[in-house]
Amino acid sequence: MRAIIQRVIQASVEVENQIVGSIGAGLLVLLGVGHGDGPAEADLLAKKTAHLRIFPDDEGRFDRSLIDIGGAILVVSQFTLYADTRKGRRPSFTDAAAPDLAAPLVARYAAALRAMGVQVESGIFGSHMRVSLINDGPVTISLDSVLLSQPQR
């Protein structure tokens, strides 16, 4: 699984001119599911997301997590995180998991966050969505479950 995490002051997602998810301070997470991903990857990424210390302490250092600040998460599924652009000009998305496999894992990720006490809002899987945000910092971090599972050098 891959996640692009953006620290936000606020964020929302709209489907068919209706806001379906909205948060104040917290994180916007664009989440992609690849072939071979399963519940373990969803749980790993959720834990890392909730505990990632990317919020400032009183001295302005990155020393607080989403849980520490009581922030919320807006989760938006995004298969395009698995775009392969190595050949030609049109991206290939063959590395993205099929919707019937990806949707339950996006739901699992959100459920794992909720189990940690995080307020979670989300888009609608498979829908055309419009995402609005005010990035704070800006702070944007990418996570990949494959890289998180490898030993640190």
N, C-alpha and C. Protein backbone atom coordinates (compact mmCIF):
# COMPACT_ATOMS: atom_id res chain seq x y z
N MET A 1 0.85 -1.18 0.00
CA MET A 1 0.00 0.00 0.00
C MET A 1 0.88 1.23 0.00
N ARG A 2 0.37 2.26 -0.61
CA ARG A 2 1.08 3.54 -0.65
C ARG A 2 0.16 4.63 -0.14
N ALA A 3 0.77 5.57 0.58
CA ALA A 3 0.00 6.70 1.09
C ALA A 3 0.80 7.98 0.89
N ILE A 4 0.10 9.00 0.44
CA ILE A 4 0.63 10.35 0.44
C ILE A 4 -0.11 11.06 1.57
N ILE A 5 0.64 11.54 2.53
CA ILE A 5 0.07 12.14 3.73
C ILE A 5 0.38 13.63 3.73
N GLN A 6 -0.66 14.43 3.83
CA GLN A 6 -0.48 15.88 3.86
C GLN A 6 -1.05 16.42 5.16
N ARG A 7 -0.23 17.17 5.87
CA ARG A 7 -0.70 17.84 7.08
C ARG A 7 -1.56 19.01 6.64
N VAL A 8 -2.77 19.09 7.18
CA VAL A 8 -3.71 20.11 6.71
C VAL A 8 -4.31 20.90 7.87
N ILE A 9 -4.73 22.10 7.52
CA ILE A 9 -5.53 22.91 8.43
C ILE A 9 -7.00 22.51 8.28
N GLN A 10 -7.37 22.19 7.05
CA GLN A 10 -8.69 21.64 6.77
C GLN A 10 -8.65 20.94 5.43
N ALA A 11 -9.58 20.00 5.24
CA ALA A 11 -9.67 19.27 3.97
C ALA A 11 -11.08 18.72 3.82
N SER A 12 -11.50 18.57 2.57
CA SER A 12 -12.81 17.99 2.30
C SER A 12 -12.78 17.26 0.97
N VAL A 13 -13.74 16.37 0.79
CA VAL A 13 -13.88 15.64 -0.46
C VAL A 13 -15.35 15.72 -0.87
N GLU A 14 -15.52 15.96 -2.17
CA GLU A 14 -16.85 16.17 -2.74
C GLU A 14 -17.11 15.13 -3.83
N VAL A 15 -18.31 14.58 -3.84
CA VAL A 15 -18.76 13.65 -4.87
C VAL A 15 -20.11 14.14 -5.37
N GLU A 16 -20.21 14.34 -6.68
CA GLU A 16 -21.45 14.82 -7.30
C GLU A 16 -22.00 16.06 -6.60
N ASN A 17 -21.12 17.03 -6.39
CA ASN A 17 -21.47 18.33 -5.79
C ASN A 17 -21.94 18.25 -4.34
N GLN A 18 -21.65 17.14 -3.66
CA GLN A 18 -21.99 16.99 -2.25
C GLN A 18 -20.72 16.69 -1.47
N ILE A 19 -20.50 17.41 -0.37
CA ILE A 19 -19.36 17.10 0.49
C ILE A 19 -19.68 15.82 1.25
N VAL A 20 -18.82 14.81 1.07
CA VAL A 20 -19.04 13.51 1.71
C VAL A 20 -18.08 13.28 2.88
N GLY A 21 -17.06 14.11 3.00
CA GLY A 21 -16.12 14.01 4.10
C GLY A 21 -15.41 15.32 4.29
N SER A 22 -15.24 15.73 5.55
CA SER A 22 -14.60 17.01 5.84
C SER A 22 -13.94 16.95 7.21
N ILE A 23 -12.74 17.52 7.31
CA ILE A 23 -12.04 17.57 8.60
C ILE A 23 -11.46 18.96 8.81
N GLY A 24 -11.13 19.25 10.05
CA GLY A 24 -10.35 20.42 10.40
C GLY A 24 -8.88 20.01 10.43
N ALA A 25 -8.16 20.43 11.45
CA ALA A 25 -6.73 20.13 11.54
C ALA A 25 -6.48 18.63 11.61
N GLY A 26 -5.51 18.19 10.83
CA GLY A 26 -5.16 16.78 10.82
C GLY A 26 -4.41 16.39 9.57
N LEU A 27 -4.80 15.25 9.00
CA LEU A 27 -4.10 14.71 7.84
C LEU A 27 -5.06 14.34 6.73
N LEU A 28 -4.69 14.69 5.51
CA LEU A 28 -5.33 14.17 4.31
C LEU A 28 -4.46 13.02 3.84
N VAL A 29 -5.06 11.85 3.65
CA VAL A 29 -4.31 10.68 3.22
C VAL A 29 -4.87 10.20 1.89
N LEU A 30 -4.03 10.25 0.86
CA LEU A 30 -4.35 9.67 -0.43
C LEU A 30 -3.78 8.26 -0.38
N LEU A 31 -4.64 7.25 -0.54
CA LEU A 31 -4.26 5.87 -0.26
C LEU A 31 -4.45 4.99 -1.48
N GLY A 32 -3.38 4.30 -1.88
CA GLY A 32 -3.43 3.37 -3.01
C GLY A 32 -3.12 1.96 -2.55
N VAL A 33 -3.77 1.00 -3.20
CA VAL A 33 -3.58 -0.41 -2.88
C VAL A 33 -2.99 -1.10 -4.10
N GLY A 34 -1.94 -1.88 -3.87
CA GLY A 34 -1.29 -2.60 -4.95
C GLY A 34 -1.52 -4.10 -4.86
N HIS A 35 -1.08 -4.81 -5.91
CA HIS A 35 -1.16 -6.27 -5.91
C HIS A 35 -0.38 -6.82 -4.74
N GLY A 36 -0.91 -7.80 -4.08
CA GLY A 36 -0.21 -8.44 -2.98
C GLY A 36 -0.45 -7.79 -1.63
N ASP A 37 -1.11 -6.64 -1.61
CA ASP A 37 -1.41 -5.99 -0.33
C ASP A 37 -2.54 -6.75 0.36
N GLY A 38 -2.49 -6.72 1.69
CA GLY A 38 -3.52 -7.39 2.48
C GLY A 38 -3.76 -6.65 3.78
N PRO A 39 -4.50 -7.28 4.69
CA PRO A 39 -4.81 -6.64 5.97
C PRO A 39 -3.57 -6.21 6.76
N ALA A 40 -2.50 -6.99 6.69
CA ALA A 40 -1.29 -6.63 7.44
C ALA A 40 -0.72 -5.30 6.97
N GLU A 41 -0.74 -5.06 5.66
CA GLU A 41 -0.23 -3.79 5.12
C GLU A 41 -1.14 -2.63 5.52
N ALA A 42 -2.45 -2.85 5.51
CA ALA A 42 -3.38 -1.80 5.92
C ALA A 42 -3.16 -1.43 7.38
N ASP A 43 -3.00 -2.43 8.24
CA ASP A 43 -2.78 -2.17 9.67
C ASP A 43 -1.44 -1.48 9.90
N LEU A 44 -0.39 -1.93 9.20
CA LEU A 44 0.93 -1.32 9.33
C LEU A 44 0.90 0.16 8.95
N LEU A 45 0.29 0.46 7.81
CA LEU A 45 0.23 1.84 7.35
C LEU A 45 -0.62 2.70 8.28
N ALA A 46 -1.71 2.15 8.79
CA ALA A 46 -2.57 2.91 9.72
C ALA A 46 -1.80 3.26 10.99
N LYS A 47 -1.09 2.29 11.53
CA LYS A 47 -0.32 2.54 12.76
C LYS A 47 0.76 3.61 12.52
N LYS A 48 1.46 3.48 11.41
CA LYS A 48 2.51 4.45 11.07
C LYS A 48 1.91 5.84 10.89
N THR A 49 0.78 5.93 10.20
CA THR A 49 0.13 7.22 9.95
C THR A 49 -0.27 7.89 11.26
N ALA A 50 -0.93 7.16 12.13
CA ALA A 50 -1.44 7.73 13.38
C ALA A 50 -0.33 8.19 14.32
N HIS A 51 0.82 7.51 14.26
CA HIS A 51 1.91 7.80 15.20
C HIS A 51 3.06 8.61 14.59
N LEU A 52 2.96 8.94 13.31
CA LEU A 52 4.00 9.72 12.65
C LEU A 52 4.08 11.11 13.28
N ARG A 53 5.25 11.46 13.76
CA ARG A 53 5.42 12.75 14.47
C ARG A 53 5.76 13.85 13.46
N ILE A 54 4.71 14.46 12.91
CA ILE A 54 4.89 15.51 11.92
C ILE A 54 4.15 16.80 12.30
N PHE A 55 3.72 16.87 13.56
CA PHE A 55 3.09 18.09 14.06
C PHE A 55 4.05 18.77 15.03
N PRO A 56 4.06 20.09 15.05
CA PRO A 56 5.04 20.80 15.86
C PRO A 56 4.72 20.76 17.36
N ASP A 57 5.80 20.71 18.14
CA ASP A 57 5.65 20.89 19.58
C ASP A 57 5.72 22.38 19.89
N ASP A 58 5.83 22.74 21.14
CA ASP A 58 5.86 24.16 21.52
C ASP A 58 7.07 24.91 20.98
N GLU A 59 8.12 24.18 20.62
CA GLU A 59 9.32 24.80 20.07
C GLU A 59 9.37 24.72 18.55
N GLY A 60 8.29 24.21 17.93
CA GLY A 60 8.22 24.16 16.48
C GLY A 60 8.85 22.93 15.84
N ARG A 61 9.34 21.99 16.64
CA ARG A 61 9.94 20.76 16.11
C ARG A 61 8.87 19.72 15.83
N PHE A 62 9.10 18.88 14.83
CA PHE A 62 8.19 17.77 14.55
C PHE A 62 8.31 16.77 15.70
N ASP A 63 7.39 16.85 16.65
CA ASP A 63 7.49 15.97 17.81
C ASP A 63 6.14 15.46 18.29
N ARG A 64 5.07 15.79 17.56
CA ARG A 64 3.74 15.33 17.98
C ARG A 64 3.08 14.57 16.84
N SER A 65 2.32 13.57 17.22
CA SER A 65 1.60 12.76 16.24
C SER A 65 0.16 13.24 16.13
N LEU A 66 -0.54 12.68 15.19
CA LEU A 66 -1.97 12.98 15.03
C LEU A 66 -2.72 12.64 16.32
N ILE A 67 -2.38 11.52 16.92
CA ILE A 67 -3.02 11.13 18.17
C ILE A 67 -2.71 12.14 19.27
N ASP A 68 -1.47 12.61 19.33
CA ASP A 68 -1.08 13.59 20.35
C ASP A 68 -1.89 14.87 20.26
N ILE A 69 -2.19 15.31 19.03
CA ILE A 69 -2.91 16.58 18.88
C ILE A 69 -4.42 16.41 18.80
N GLY A 70 -4.89 15.17 18.76
CA GLY A 70 -6.32 14.92 18.65
C GLY A 70 -6.88 15.30 17.29
N GLY A 71 -6.07 15.18 16.25
CA GLY A 71 -6.49 15.54 14.90
C GLY A 71 -7.29 14.45 14.22
N ALA A 72 -7.83 14.79 13.07
CA ALA A 72 -8.65 13.88 12.28
C ALA A 72 -7.93 13.51 10.99
N ILE A 73 -8.46 12.50 10.31
CA ILE A 73 -7.90 12.04 9.04
C ILE A 73 -9.02 11.98 8.01
N LEU A 74 -8.70 12.48 6.82
CA LEU A 74 -9.58 12.33 5.66
C LEU A 74 -8.89 11.35 4.72
N VAL A 75 -9.49 10.19 4.49
CA VAL A 75 -8.91 9.14 3.65
C VAL A 75 -9.59 9.17 2.28
N VAL A 76 -8.76 9.27 1.24
CA VAL A 76 -9.26 9.28 -0.13
C VAL A 76 -8.52 8.20 -0.91
N SER A 77 -9.26 7.22 -1.42
CA SER A 77 -8.63 6.16 -2.19
C SER A 77 -8.11 6.73 -3.51
N GLN A 78 -6.92 6.26 -3.92
CA GLN A 78 -6.31 6.82 -5.12
C GLN A 78 -5.42 5.77 -5.79
N PHE A 79 -6.01 5.04 -6.75
CA PHE A 79 -5.26 4.00 -7.46
C PHE A 79 -4.11 4.57 -8.27
N THR A 80 -4.16 5.86 -8.59
CA THR A 80 -3.11 6.46 -9.42
C THR A 80 -1.76 6.53 -8.71
N LEU A 81 -1.73 6.23 -7.42
CA LEU A 81 -0.43 6.15 -6.73
C LEU A 81 0.41 4.99 -7.24
N TYR A 82 -0.23 4.09 -7.98
CA TYR A 82 0.49 2.96 -8.58
C TYR A 82 0.74 3.16 -10.07
N ALA A 83 0.74 4.39 -10.51
CA ALA A 83 1.01 4.69 -11.92
C ALA A 83 2.43 4.27 -12.29
N ASP A 84 2.55 3.60 -13.42
CA ASP A 84 3.85 3.24 -13.97
C ASP A 84 4.06 4.14 -15.20
N THR A 85 5.03 5.02 -15.11
CA THR A 85 5.27 6.00 -16.18
C THR A 85 6.58 5.74 -16.93
N ARG A 86 7.12 4.54 -16.77
CA ARG A 86 8.42 4.25 -17.38
C ARG A 86 8.38 4.19 -18.90
N LYS A 87 7.25 3.83 -19.47
CA LYS A 87 7.18 3.65 -20.90
C LYS A 87 6.06 4.52 -21.48
N GLY A 88 6.39 5.24 -22.53
CA GLY A 88 5.38 6.05 -23.21
C GLY A 88 4.97 7.28 -22.42
N ARG A 89 3.86 7.82 -22.82
CA ARG A 89 3.37 9.05 -22.18
C ARG A 89 2.10 8.86 -21.39
N ARG A 90 1.47 7.72 -21.57
CA ARG A 90 0.24 7.43 -20.83
C ARG A 90 0.59 6.47 -19.70
N PRO A 91 0.27 6.82 -18.46
CA PRO A 91 0.59 5.92 -17.34
C PRO A 91 -0.17 4.61 -17.43
N SER A 92 0.45 3.57 -16.95
CA SER A 92 -0.20 2.27 -16.81
C SER A 92 -0.54 2.09 -15.33
N PHE A 93 -1.68 1.49 -15.08
CA PHE A 93 -2.11 1.27 -13.69
C PHE A 93 -2.23 -0.21 -13.37
N THR A 94 -1.48 -1.04 -14.07
CA THR A 94 -1.58 -2.49 -13.87
C THR A 94 -1.05 -2.93 -12.51
N ASP A 95 -0.27 -2.09 -11.84
CA ASP A 95 0.24 -2.44 -10.51
C ASP A 95 -0.78 -2.17 -9.40
N ALA A 96 -1.85 -1.44 -9.72
CA ALA A 96 -2.90 -1.17 -8.73
C ALA A 96 -3.79 -2.40 -8.58
N ALA A 97 -4.22 -2.65 -7.36
CA ALA A 97 -5.12 -3.77 -7.11
C ALA A 97 -6.49 -3.50 -7.73
N ALA A 98 -7.17 -4.56 -8.11
CA ALA A 98 -8.52 -4.44 -8.64
C ALA A 98 -9.45 -3.87 -7.56
N PRO A 99 -10.48 -3.14 -7.98
CA PRO A 99 -11.38 -2.51 -7.00
C PRO A 99 -11.96 -3.47 -5.97
N ASP A 100 -12.32 -4.70 -6.35
CA ASP A 100 -12.91 -5.63 -5.40
C ASP A 100 -11.92 -6.08 -4.33
N LEU A 101 -10.63 -5.96 -4.60
CA LEU A 101 -9.60 -6.26 -3.60
C LEU A 101 -9.19 -5.00 -2.84
N ALA A 102 -9.16 -3.86 -3.52
CA ALA A 102 -8.69 -2.62 -2.91
C ALA A 102 -9.70 -2.03 -1.93
N ALA A 103 -10.97 -2.02 -2.28
CA ALA A 103 -11.99 -1.37 -1.43
C ALA A 103 -11.99 -1.89 0.01
N PRO A 104 -11.96 -3.22 0.23
CA PRO A 104 -11.93 -3.69 1.62
C PRO A 104 -10.67 -3.29 2.37
N LEU A 105 -9.55 -3.14 1.66
CA LEU A 105 -8.31 -2.75 2.34
C LEU A 105 -8.30 -1.27 2.69
N VAL A 106 -8.91 -0.44 1.86
CA VAL A 106 -9.07 0.97 2.22
C VAL A 106 -9.96 1.08 3.45
N ALA A 107 -11.03 0.29 3.47
CA ALA A 107 -11.93 0.27 4.64
C ALA A 107 -11.20 -0.26 5.88
N ARG A 108 -10.35 -1.26 5.69
CA ARG A 108 -9.58 -1.81 6.81
C ARG A 108 -8.64 -0.77 7.40
N TYR A 109 -7.96 -0.01 6.52
CA TYR A 109 -7.07 1.07 6.95
C TYR A 109 -7.85 2.07 7.81
N ALA A 110 -9.01 2.51 7.33
CA ALA A 110 -9.83 3.47 8.08
C ALA A 110 -10.29 2.87 9.41
N ALA A 111 -10.68 1.61 9.41
CA ALA A 111 -11.13 0.96 10.64
C ALA A 111 -10.00 0.85 11.65
N ALA A 112 -8.79 0.56 11.18
CA ALA A 112 -7.63 0.47 12.08
C ALA A 112 -7.35 1.82 12.73
N LEU A 113 -7.51 2.89 11.98
CA LEU A 113 -7.33 4.23 12.55
C LEU A 113 -8.40 4.52 13.59
N ARG A 114 -9.64 4.18 13.27
CA ARG A 114 -10.74 4.40 14.22
C ARG A 114 -10.50 3.62 15.51
N ALA A 115 -9.96 2.41 15.39
CA ALA A 115 -9.68 1.58 16.56
C ALA A 115 -8.64 2.23 17.48
N MET A 116 -7.82 3.11 16.92
CA MET A 116 -6.83 3.85 17.72
C MET A 116 -7.42 5.14 18.27
N GLY A 117 -8.70 5.38 18.03
CA GLY A 117 -9.36 6.57 18.56
C GLY A 117 -9.31 7.78 17.64
N VAL A 118 -8.92 7.59 16.39
CA VAL A 118 -8.81 8.70 15.44
C VAL A 118 -10.15 8.92 14.76
N GLN A 119 -10.55 10.19 14.64
CA GLN A 119 -11.74 10.53 13.85
C GLN A 119 -11.36 10.39 12.38
N VAL A 120 -12.13 9.59 11.63
CA VAL A 120 -11.84 9.33 10.23
C VAL A 120 -13.04 9.71 9.37
N GLU A 121 -12.77 10.50 8.35
CA GLU A 121 -13.74 10.80 7.31
C GLU A 121 -13.17 10.21 6.03
N SER A 122 -14.02 10.02 5.02
CA SER A 122 -13.49 9.43 3.79
C SER A 122 -14.32 9.84 2.58
N GLY A 123 -13.70 9.60 1.42
CA GLY A 123 -14.39 9.77 0.16
C GLY A 123 -15.22 8.52 -0.11
N ILE A 124 -15.69 8.39 -1.33
CA ILE A 124 -16.47 7.21 -1.74
C ILE A 124 -15.63 6.44 -2.75
N PHE A 125 -15.26 5.23 -2.38
CA PHE A 125 -14.37 4.42 -3.20
C PHE A 125 -14.93 4.29 -4.62
N GLY A 126 -14.08 4.50 -5.61
CA GLY A 126 -14.44 4.34 -7.00
C GLY A 126 -15.17 5.51 -7.63
N SER A 127 -15.46 6.53 -6.85
CA SER A 127 -16.17 7.70 -7.37
C SER A 127 -15.19 8.73 -7.89
N HIS A 128 -15.70 9.59 -8.78
CA HIS A 128 -14.93 10.75 -9.19
C HIS A 128 -15.04 11.76 -8.03
N MET A 129 -13.91 12.12 -7.46
CA MET A 129 -13.92 12.98 -6.26
C MET A 129 -13.16 14.26 -6.52
N ARG A 130 -13.59 15.30 -5.86
CA ARG A 130 -12.88 16.58 -5.85
C ARG A 130 -12.41 16.81 -4.43
N VAL A 131 -11.10 16.94 -4.29
CA VAL A 131 -10.50 17.09 -2.97
C VAL A 131 -10.01 18.52 -2.80
N SER A 132 -10.39 19.13 -1.69
CA SER A 132 -9.93 20.48 -1.36
C SER A 132 -9.15 20.40 -0.06
N LEU A 133 -8.09 21.18 0.02
CA LEU A 133 -7.30 21.19 1.25
C LEU A 133 -6.55 22.49 1.40
N ILE A 134 -6.24 22.78 2.64
CA ILE A 134 -5.28 23.83 2.96
C ILE A 134 -4.12 23.11 3.63
N ASN A 135 -3.03 22.96 2.86
CA ASN A 135 -1.85 22.25 3.34
C ASN A 135 -1.17 23.10 4.39
N ASP A 136 -0.75 22.48 5.47
CA ASP A 136 -0.12 23.18 6.59
C ASP A 136 1.37 22.92 6.57
N GLY A 137 2.13 23.93 6.26
CA GLY A 137 3.59 23.83 6.26
C GLY A 137 4.24 24.37 5.01
N PRO A 138 4.11 23.75 3.88
CA PRO A 138 3.44 22.48 3.63
C PRO A 138 4.26 21.29 4.12
N VAL A 139 3.54 20.30 4.59
CA VAL A 139 4.17 19.04 5.00
C VAL A 139 3.49 17.93 4.22
N THR A 140 4.28 17.22 3.41
CA THR A 140 3.79 16.11 2.61
C THR A 140 4.79 14.96 2.73
N ILE A 141 4.29 13.80 3.16
CA ILE A 141 5.12 12.63 3.41
C ILE A 141 4.56 11.45 2.62
N SER A 142 5.44 10.64 2.03
CA SER A 142 4.96 9.44 1.36
C SER A 142 5.36 8.21 2.18
N LEU A 143 4.44 7.25 2.25
CA LEU A 143 4.69 5.98 2.91
C LEU A 143 4.41 4.86 1.93
N ASP A 144 5.21 3.81 2.02
CA ASP A 144 5.02 2.64 1.18
C ASP A 144 5.23 1.41 2.07
N SER A 145 4.23 0.56 2.15
CA SER A 145 4.32 -0.59 3.05
C SER A 145 5.48 -1.51 2.71
N VAL A 146 5.87 -1.58 1.44
CA VAL A 146 7.02 -2.40 1.05
C VAL A 146 8.29 -1.85 1.71
N LEU A 147 8.47 -0.53 1.66
CA LEU A 147 9.65 0.09 2.26
C LEU A 147 9.62 0.00 3.78
N LEU A 148 8.44 0.13 4.38
CA LEU A 148 8.33 0.06 5.84
C LEU A 148 8.66 -1.33 6.35
N SER A 149 8.47 -2.35 5.52
CA SER A 149 8.73 -3.73 5.94
C SER A 149 10.19 -4.12 5.82
N GLN A 150 10.99 -3.30 5.13
CA GLN A 150 12.40 -3.62 4.95
C GLN A 150 13.20 -3.14 6.15
N PRO A 151 14.31 -3.83 6.46
CA PRO A 151 15.15 -3.37 7.55
C PRO A 151 15.77 -2.02 7.24
N GLN A 152 15.94 -1.23 8.29
CA GLN A 152 16.54 0.10 8.12
C GLN A 152 18.04 -0.07 7.92
N ARG A 153 18.58 0.75 7.01
CA ARG A 153 20.03 0.68 6.74
C ARG A 153 20.84 1.30 7.82
